[in-house]
């Protein structure tokens, strides 16, 4: 995944696990360093959306290359 897709897909898996989200936009201080995003393409965004759609549909809570594989 590219262009921030990892964070959003991780959030989908947490939701599938039963973790509730909390929207804090405009309620918390956020710092983001501006930088170019040559990896942000229509193709990568479409790929990320399809991965997240599959995560929701399949109710996935783990990834094949996750923390459990480190042990």
Protein backbone atom coordinates (compact mmCIF):
# COMPACT_ATOMS: atom_id res chain seq x y z
CA UNK A 1 0.00 0.00 0.00
CA UNK A 2 1.08 3.54 -0.62
CA UNK A 3 0.04 7.09 0.21
CA UNK A 4 -1.23 6.68 3.75
CA UNK A 5 -3.15 3.54 2.98
CA UNK A 6 -1.43 1.60 5.73
CA UNK A 7 -2.85 3.81 8.47
CA UNK A 8 -6.36 3.65 7.13
CA UNK A 9 -6.29 -0.10 6.55
CA UNK A 10 -4.95 -0.61 10.10
CA UNK A 11 -7.92 1.43 11.33
CA UNK A 12 -10.29 -0.82 9.38
CA UNK A 13 -8.80 -3.90 11.08
CA UNK A 14 -9.08 -2.28 14.52
CA UNK A 15 -12.74 -1.50 13.79
CA UNK A 16 -13.28 -5.13 12.71
CA UNK A 17 -11.78 -6.17 16.05
CA UNK A 18 -14.31 -4.01 17.90
CA UNK A 19 -12.13 -1.00 18.73
CA UNK A 20 -14.23 2.16 18.52
CA UNK A 21 -12.76 5.23 16.86
CA UNK A 22 -12.87 8.80 18.05
CA UNK A 23 -12.74 11.75 15.68
CA UNK A 24 -10.39 14.41 17.03
CA UNK A 25 -9.89 16.51 13.91
CA UNK A 26 -10.10 20.20 14.79
CA UNK A 27 -9.97 19.24 18.50
CA UNK A 28 -6.27 18.38 18.81
CA UNK A 29 -2.98 19.95 17.84
CA UNK A 30 -1.48 18.26 14.80
CA UNK A 31 1.86 18.84 13.13
CA UNK A 32 2.53 17.63 9.63
CA UNK A 33 5.64 18.36 7.62
CA UNK A 34 4.75 19.31 4.07
CA UNK A 35 6.54 17.22 1.45
CA UNK A 36 6.13 16.16 -2.12
CA UNK A 37 4.13 13.01 -2.75
CA UNK A 38 5.30 11.53 -6.05
CA UNK A 39 3.81 8.20 -4.96
CA UNK A 40 0.28 9.67 -4.84
CA UNK A 41 -1.24 8.48 -8.10
CA UNK A 42 -4.75 7.56 -9.18
CA UNK A 43 -3.61 3.96 -9.48
CA UNK A 44 -2.17 3.76 -5.95
CA UNK A 45 -5.26 5.41 -4.45
CA UNK A 46 -7.54 2.97 -6.31
CA UNK A 47 -5.41 0.02 -5.13
CA UNK A 48 -5.60 1.22 -1.51
CA UNK A 49 -9.38 1.66 -1.70
CA UNK A 50 -9.78 -1.88 -3.03
CA UNK A 51 -7.58 -3.30 -0.25
CA UNK A 52 -9.60 -1.44 2.41
CA UNK A 53 -12.88 -2.57 0.81
CA UNK A 54 -11.68 -6.18 0.97
CA UNK A 55 -10.60 -5.70 4.62
CA UNK A 56 -14.11 -4.49 5.53
CA UNK A 57 -15.88 -7.16 3.50
CA UNK A 58 -13.79 -10.05 4.86
CA UNK A 59 -13.79 -8.60 8.43
CA UNK A 60 -9.99 -9.05 8.52
CA UNK A 61 -8.35 -8.33 11.89
CA UNK A 62 -4.78 -9.55 11.20
CA UNK A 63 -2.28 -9.17 8.42
CA UNK A 64 -0.16 -12.06 7.09
CA UNK A 65 3.02 -10.09 7.92
CA UNK A 66 2.06 -8.81 11.36
CA UNK A 67 3.47 -8.75 14.88
CA UNK A 68 2.69 -12.44 15.51
CA UNK A 69 5.18 -13.43 12.81
CA UNK A 70 8.00 -11.76 14.76
CA UNK A 71 7.86 -14.37 17.54
